[in-house]
Amino acid sequence: MTLDRAVLAFAGFVVLLGLALAHFVHPYWAGLSAFAGLNMIQAAFTGICPAAMIFKKLGVKPGTAFR
């Protein structure tokens, strides 16, 4: 799995987790999904993604978007 796919999979997981927690636990958990979405927008404009930095340090091979 490349770094790009790992970041996208992680972002999708966080969004779905936030939605599930908001539905079953408390509506404020929707903020987790909002945070993930805002982080994706920020990464699109700046090219800086904290999740990509962490996955890179864990040894995930780089893809084309995050190097």
PDB file of N, CA and C in Angstrom:
ATOM      1  N   MET A   1       0.853  -1.171   0.000  1.00  0.00           N
ATOM      2  CA  MET A   1       0.000   0.000   0.000  1.00  0.00           C
ATOM      3  C   MET A   1       0.899   1.234   0.000  1.00  0.00           C
ATOM      4  N   THR A   2       0.587   2.176  -0.863  1.00  0.00           N
ATOM      5  CA  THR A   2       1.381   3.395  -0.931  1.00  0.00           C
ATOM      6  C   THR A   2       0.897   4.400   0.109  1.00  0.00           C
ATOM      7  N   LEU A   3       1.689   5.415   0.304  1.00  0.00           N
ATOM      8  CA  LEU A   3       1.376   6.467   1.265  1.00  0.00           C
ATOM      9  C   LEU A   3       0.067   7.165   0.916  1.00  0.00           C
ATOM     10  N   ASP A   4      -0.159   7.400  -0.369  1.00  0.00           N
ATOM     11  CA  ASP A   4      -1.389   8.070  -0.802  1.00  0.00           C
ATOM     12  C   ASP A   4      -2.625   7.268  -0.413  1.00  0.00           C
ATOM     13  N   ARG A   5      -2.583   5.979  -0.692  1.00  0.00           N
ATOM     14  CA  ARG A   5      -3.734   5.124  -0.372  1.00  0.00           C
ATOM     15  C   ARG A   5      -3.926   4.994   1.137  1.00  0.00           C
ATOM     16  N   ALA A   6      -2.834   4.941   1.880  1.00  0.00           N
ATOM     17  CA  ALA A   6      -2.935   4.840   3.336  1.00  0.00           C
ATOM     18  C   ALA A   6      -3.586   6.088   3.922  1.00  0.00           C
ATOM     19  N   VAL A   7      -3.205   7.258   3.424  1.00  0.00           N
ATOM     20  CA  VAL A   7      -3.783   8.511   3.916  1.00  0.00           C
ATOM     21  C   VAL A   7      -5.263   8.586   3.573  1.00  0.00           C
ATOM     22  N   LEU A   8      -5.627   8.229   2.351  1.00  0.00           N
ATOM     23  CA  LEU A   8      -7.037   8.265   1.957  1.00  0.00           C
ATOM     24  C   LEU A   8      -7.865   7.262   2.753  1.00  0.00           C
ATOM     25  N   ALA A   9      -7.316   6.072   2.972  1.00  0.00           N
ATOM     26  CA  ALA A   9      -8.037   5.067   3.758  1.00  0.00           C
ATOM     27  C   ALA A   9      -8.215   5.528   5.201  1.00  0.00           C
ATOM     28  N   PHE A  10      -7.175   6.118   5.768  1.00  0.00           N
ATOM     29  CA  PHE A  10      -7.260   6.607   7.146  1.00  0.00           C
ATOM     30  C   PHE A  10      -8.272   7.741   7.262  1.00  0.00           C
ATOM     31  N   ALA A  11      -8.257   8.673   6.310  1.00  0.00           N
ATOM     32  CA  ALA A  11      -9.215   9.782   6.336  1.00  0.00           C
ATOM     33  C   ALA A  11     -10.644   9.265   6.211  1.00  0.00           C
ATOM     34  N   GLY A  12     -10.862   8.322   5.328  1.00  0.00           N
ATOM     35  CA  GLY A  12     -12.191   7.736   5.192  1.00  0.00           C
ATOM     36  C   GLY A  12     -12.636   7.025   6.454  1.00  0.00           C
ATOM     37  N   PHE A  13     -11.715   6.313   7.095  1.00  0.00           N
ATOM     38  CA  PHE A  13     -12.033   5.634   8.346  1.00  0.00           C
ATOM     39  C   PHE A  13     -12.411   6.629   9.438  1.00  0.00           C
ATOM     40  N   VAL A  14     -11.660   7.729   9.547  1.00  0.00           N
ATOM     41  CA  VAL A  14     -11.948   8.735  10.572  1.00  0.00           C
ATOM     42  C   VAL A  14     -13.306   9.385  10.321  1.00  0.00           C
ATOM     43  N   VAL A  15     -13.630   9.666   9.075  1.00  0.00           N
ATOM     44  CA  VAL A  15     -14.932  10.254   8.749  1.00  0.00           C
ATOM     45  C   VAL A  15     -16.054   9.298   9.136  1.00  0.00           C
ATOM     46  N   LEU A  16     -15.939   8.036   8.750  1.00  0.00           N
ATOM     47  CA  LEU A  16     -16.981   7.057   9.078  1.00  0.00           C
ATOM     48  C   LEU A  16     -17.066   6.805  10.583  1.00  0.00           C
ATOM     49  N   LEU A  17     -15.929   6.786  11.256  1.00  0.00           N
ATOM     50  CA  LEU A  17     -15.929   6.612  12.707  1.00  0.00           C
ATOM     51  C   LEU A  17     -16.640   7.774  13.392  1.00  0.00           C
ATOM     52  N   GLY A  18     -16.347   8.996  12.949  1.00  0.00           N
ATOM     53  CA  GLY A  18     -17.010  10.166  13.518  1.00  0.00           C
ATOM     54  C   GLY A  18     -18.512  10.141  13.303  1.00  0.00           C
ATOM     55  N   LEU A  19     -18.932   9.729  12.124  1.00  0.00           N
ATOM     56  CA  LEU A  19     -20.371   9.641  11.849  1.00  0.00           C
ATOM     57  C   LEU A  19     -21.043   8.570  12.699  1.00  0.00           C
ATOM     58  N   ALA A  20     -20.395   7.426  12.845  1.00  0.00           N
ATOM     59  CA  ALA A  20     -20.969   6.353  13.664  1.00  0.00           C
ATOM     60  C   ALA A  20     -21.052   6.767  15.129  1.00  0.00           C
ATOM     61  N   LEU A  21     -19.994   7.387  15.637  1.00  0.00           N
ATOM     62  CA  LEU A  21     -20.018   7.838  17.027  1.00  0.00           C
ATOM     63  C   LEU A  21     -21.054   8.933  17.240  1.00  0.00           C
ATOM     64  N   ALA A  22     -21.220   9.807  16.256  1.00  0.00           N
ATOM     65  CA  ALA A  22     -22.235  10.861  16.367  1.00  0.00           C
ATOM     66  C   ALA A  22     -23.635  10.266  16.389  1.00  0.00           C
ATOM     67  N   HIS A  23     -23.831   9.205  15.660  1.00  0.00           N
ATOM     68  CA  HIS A  23     -25.157   8.580  15.607  1.00  0.00           C
ATOM     69  C   HIS A  23     -25.458   7.773  16.874  1.00  0.00           C
ATOM     70  N   PHE A  24     -24.478   6.999  17.343  1.00  0.00           N
ATOM     71  CA  PHE A  24     -24.731   6.074  18.440  1.00  0.00           C
ATOM     72  C   PHE A  24     -24.355   6.609  19.822  1.00  0.00           C
ATOM     73  N   VAL A  25     -23.440   7.575  19.911  1.00  0.00           N
ATOM     74  CA  VAL A  25     -22.960   8.025  21.218  1.00  0.00           C
ATOM     75  C   VAL A  25     -23.441   9.434  21.532  1.00  0.00           C
ATOM     76  N   HIS A  26     -22.946  10.420  20.781  1.00  0.00           N
ATOM     77  CA  HIS A  26     -23.306  11.816  21.038  1.00  0.00           C
ATOM     78  C   HIS A  26     -23.083  12.618  19.763  1.00  0.00           C
ATOM     79  N   PRO A  27     -23.987  13.544  19.465  1.00  0.00           N
ATOM     80  CA  PRO A  27     -23.868  14.320  18.221  1.00  0.00           C
ATOM     81  C   PRO A  27     -22.575  15.132  18.096  1.00  0.00           C
ATOM     82  N   TYR A  28     -21.946  15.463  19.202  1.00  0.00           N
ATOM     83  CA  TYR A  28     -20.707  16.242  19.127  1.00  0.00           C
ATOM     84  C   TYR A  28     -19.567  15.473  18.457  1.00  0.00           C
ATOM     85  N   TRP A  29     -19.688  14.149  18.345  1.00  0.00           N
ATOM     86  CA  TRP A  29     -18.673  13.374  17.656  1.00  0.00           C
ATOM     87  C   TRP A  29     -18.617  13.703  16.170  1.00  0.00           C
ATOM     88  N   ALA A  30     -19.616  14.385  15.645  1.00  0.00           N
ATOM     89  CA  ALA A  30     -19.583  14.813  14.241  1.00  0.00           C
ATOM     90  C   ALA A  30     -18.412  15.766  14.002  1.00  0.00           C
ATOM     91  N   GLY A  31     -17.934  16.385  15.062  1.00  0.00           N
ATOM     92  CA  GLY A  31     -16.760  17.248  14.955  1.00  0.00           C
ATOM     93  C   GLY A  31     -15.525  16.499  14.483  1.00  0.00           C
ATOM     94  N   LEU A  32     -15.445  15.211  14.793  1.00  0.00           N
ATOM     95  CA  LEU A  32     -14.320  14.405  14.319  1.00  0.00           C
ATOM     96  C   LEU A  32     -14.328  14.305  12.798  1.00  0.00           C
ATOM     97  N   SER A  33     -15.506  14.108  12.230  1.00  0.00           N
ATOM     98  CA  SER A  33     -15.629  14.073  10.768  1.00  0.00           C
ATOM     99  C   SER A  33     -15.307  15.433  10.165  1.00  0.00           C
ATOM    100  N   ALA A  34     -15.761  16.488  10.826  1.00  0.00           N
ATOM    101  CA  ALA A  34     -15.473  17.843  10.345  1.00  0.00           C
ATOM    102  C   ALA A  34     -13.970  18.114  10.383  1.00  0.00           C
ATOM    103  N   PHE A  35     -13.305  17.671  11.444  1.00  0.00           N
ATOM    104  CA  PHE A  35     -11.861  17.854  11.555  1.00  0.00           C
ATOM    105  C   PHE A  35     -11.133  17.129  10.424  1.00  0.00           C
ATOM    106  N   ALA A  36     -11.555  15.905  10.133  1.00  0.00           N
ATOM    107  CA  ALA A  36     -10.924  15.147   9.050  1.00  0.00           C
ATOM    108  C   ALA A  36     -11.132  15.845   7.710  1.00  0.00           C
ATOM    109  N   GLY A  37     -12.339  16.343   7.480  1.00  0.00           N
ATOM    110  CA  GLY A  37     -12.618  17.056   6.232  1.00  0.00           C
ATOM    111  C   GLY A  37     -11.804  18.329   6.097  1.00  0.00           C
ATOM    112  N   LEU A  38     -11.711  19.091   7.184  1.00  0.00           N
ATOM    113  CA  LEU A  38     -10.916  20.321   7.149  1.00  0.00           C
ATOM    114  C   LEU A  38      -9.437  20.017   6.934  1.00  0.00           C
ATOM    115  N   ASN A  39      -8.957  18.939   7.532  1.00  0.00           N
ATOM    116  CA  ASN A  39      -7.562  18.558   7.344  1.00  0.00           C
ATOM    117  C   ASN A  39      -7.297  18.161   5.898  1.00  0.00           C
ATOM    118  N   MET A  40      -8.262  17.499   5.252  1.00  0.00           N
ATOM    119  CA  MET A  40      -8.102  17.126   3.845  1.00  0.00           C
ATOM    120  C   MET A  40      -8.053  18.366   2.957  1.00  0.00           C
ATOM    121  N   ILE A  41      -8.888  19.353   3.255  1.00  0.00           N
ATOM    122  CA  ILE A  41      -8.871  20.605   2.488  1.00  0.00           C
ATOM    123  C   ILE A  41      -7.548  21.330   2.696  1.00  0.00           C
ATOM    124  N   GLN A  42      -7.089  21.394   3.939  1.00  0.00           N
ATOM    125  CA  GLN A  42      -5.821  22.052   4.249  1.00  0.00           C
ATOM    126  C   GLN A  42      -4.674  21.359   3.521  1.00  0.00           C
ATOM    127  N   ALA A  43      -4.669  20.037   3.492  1.00  0.00           N
ATOM    128  CA  ALA A  43      -3.604  19.297   2.817  1.00  0.00           C
ATOM    129  C   ALA A  43      -3.631  19.528   1.309  1.00  0.00           C
ATOM    130  N   ALA A  44      -4.816  19.710   0.753  1.00  0.00           N
ATOM    131  CA  ALA A  44      -4.923  19.956  -0.689  1.00  0.00           C
ATOM    132  C   ALA A  44      -4.288  21.287  -1.071  1.00  0.00           C
ATOM    133  N   PHE A  45      -4.425  22.285  -0.209  1.00  0.00           N
ATOM    134  CA  PHE A  45      -3.890  23.607  -0.535  1.00  0.00           C
ATOM    135  C   PHE A  45      -2.422  23.772  -0.157  1.00  0.00           C
ATOM    136  N   THR A  46      -1.984  23.143   0.934  1.00  0.00           N
ATOM    137  CA  THR A  46      -0.619  23.357   1.400  1.00  0.00           C
ATOM    138  C   THR A  46       0.332  22.218   1.055  1.00  0.00           C
ATOM    139  N   GLY A  47      -0.221  21.024   0.807  1.00  0.00           N
ATOM    140  CA  GLY A  47       0.629  19.867   0.557  1.00  0.00           C
ATOM    141  C   GLY A  47       1.205  19.269   1.824  1.00  0.00           C
ATOM    142  N   ILE A  48       0.788  19.773   2.982  1.00  0.00           N
ATOM    143  CA  ILE A  48       1.274  19.277   4.266  1.00  0.00           C
ATOM    144  C   ILE A  48       0.166  18.460   4.921  1.00  0.00           C
ATOM    145  N   CYS A  49       0.449  17.199   5.184  1.00  0.00           N
ATOM    146  CA  CYS A  49      -0.547  16.311   5.784  1.00  0.00           C
ATOM    147  C   CYS A  49       0.088  15.603   6.983  1.00  0.00           C
ATOM    148  N   PRO A  50      -0.410  15.870   8.187  1.00  0.00           N
ATOM    149  CA  PRO A  50       0.159  15.214   9.369  1.00  0.00           C
ATOM    150  C   PRO A  50       0.077  13.686   9.306  1.00  0.00           C
ATOM    151  N   ALA A  51      -1.018  13.157   8.786  1.00  0.00           N
ATOM    152  CA  ALA A  51      -1.148  11.700   8.681  1.00  0.00           C
ATOM    153  C   ALA A  51      -0.090  11.138   7.735  1.00  0.00           C
ATOM    154  N   ALA A  52       0.183  11.836   6.641  1.00  0.00           N
ATOM    155  CA  ALA A  52       1.209  11.380   5.697  1.00  0.00           C
ATOM    156  C   ALA A  52       2.584  11.380   6.355  1.00  0.00           C
ATOM    157  N   MET A  53       2.844  12.372   7.182  1.00  0.00           N
ATOM    158  CA  MET A  53       4.133  12.427   7.883  1.00  0.00           C
ATOM    159  C   MET A  53       4.290  11.241   8.835  1.00  0.00           C
ATOM    160  N   ILE A  54       3.204  10.896   9.525  1.00  0.00           N
ATOM    161  CA  ILE A  54       3.246   9.772  10.464  1.00  0.00           C
ATOM    162  C   ILE A  54       3.414   8.456   9.716  1.00  0.00           C
ATOM    163  N   PHE A  55       2.635   8.252   8.654  1.00  0.00           N
ATOM    164  CA  PHE A  55       2.756   7.017   7.878  1.00  0.00           C
ATOM    165  C   PHE A  55       4.141   6.894   7.252  1.00  0.00           C
ATOM    166  N   LYS A  56       4.717   8.008   6.842  1.00  0.00           N
ATOM    167  CA  LYS A  56       6.054   7.983   6.241  1.00  0.00           C
ATOM    168  C   LYS A  56       7.092   7.535   7.270  1.00  0.00           C
ATOM    169  N   LYS A  57       6.956   8.034   8.512  1.00  0.00           N
ATOM    170  CA  LYS A  57       7.879   7.622   9.568  1.00  0.00           C
ATOM    171  C   LYS A  57       7.693   6.155   9.944  1.00  0.00           C
ATOM    172  N   LEU A  58       6.488   5.627   9.704  1.00  0.00           N
ATOM    173  CA  LEU A  58       6.224   4.217   9.980  1.00  0.00           C
ATOM    174  C   LEU A  58       6.738   3.304   8.872  1.00  0.00           C
ATOM    175  N   GLY A  59       7.242   3.904   7.792  1.00  0.00           N
ATOM    176  CA  GLY A  59       7.864   3.119   6.735  1.00  0.00           C
ATOM    177  C   GLY A  59       6.982   2.791   5.550  1.00  0.00           C
ATOM    178  N   VAL A  60       5.840   3.449   5.419  1.00  0.00           N
ATOM    179  CA  VAL A  60       4.978   3.219   4.261  1.00  0.00           C
ATOM    180  C   VAL A  60       5.653   3.850   3.048  1.00  0.00           C
ATOM    181  N   LYS A  61       5.731   3.095   1.949  1.00  0.00           N
ATOM    182  CA  LYS A  61       6.440   3.602   0.770  1.00  0.00           C
ATOM    183  C   LYS A  61       5.667   4.766   0.142  1.00  0.00           C
ATOM    184  N   PRO A  62       6.382   5.786  -0.318  1.00  0.00           N
ATOM    185  CA  PRO A  62       5.712   6.982  -0.855  1.00  0.00           C
ATOM    186  C   PRO A  62       4.991   6.713  -2.168  1.00  0.00           C
ATOM    187  N   GLY A  63       3.938   7.497  -2.382  1.00  0.00           N
ATOM    188  CA  GLY A  63       3.195   7.446  -3.635  1.00  0.00           C
ATOM    189  C   GLY A  63       3.527   8.671  -4.461  1.00  0.00           C
ATOM    190  N   THR A  64       2.581   9.127  -5.248  1.00  0.00           N
ATOM    191  CA  THR A  64       2.845  10.277  -6.106  1.00  0.00           C
ATOM    192  C   THR A  64       2.403  11.591  -5.487  1.00  0.00           C
ATOM    193  N   ALA A  65       1.415  11.581  -4.607  1.00  0.00           N
ATOM    194  CA  ALA A  65       0.897  12.835  -4.060  1.00  0.00           C
ATOM    195  C   ALA A  65       1.703  13.309  -2.855  1.00  0.00           C
ATOM    196  N   PHE A  66       1.970  12.432  -1.917  1.00  0.00           N
ATOM    197  CA  PHE A  66       2.697  12.805  -0.695  1.00  0.00           C
ATOM    198  C   PHE A  66       4.085  12.196  -0.741  1.00  0.00           C
ATOM    199  N   ARG A  67       5.105  13.052  -0.762  1.00  0.00           N
ATOM    200  CA  ARG A  67       6.495  12.568  -0.809  1.00  0.00           C
ATOM    201  C   ARG A  67       7.275  13.072   0.363  1.00  0.00           C
TER     202      ARG A  67
END
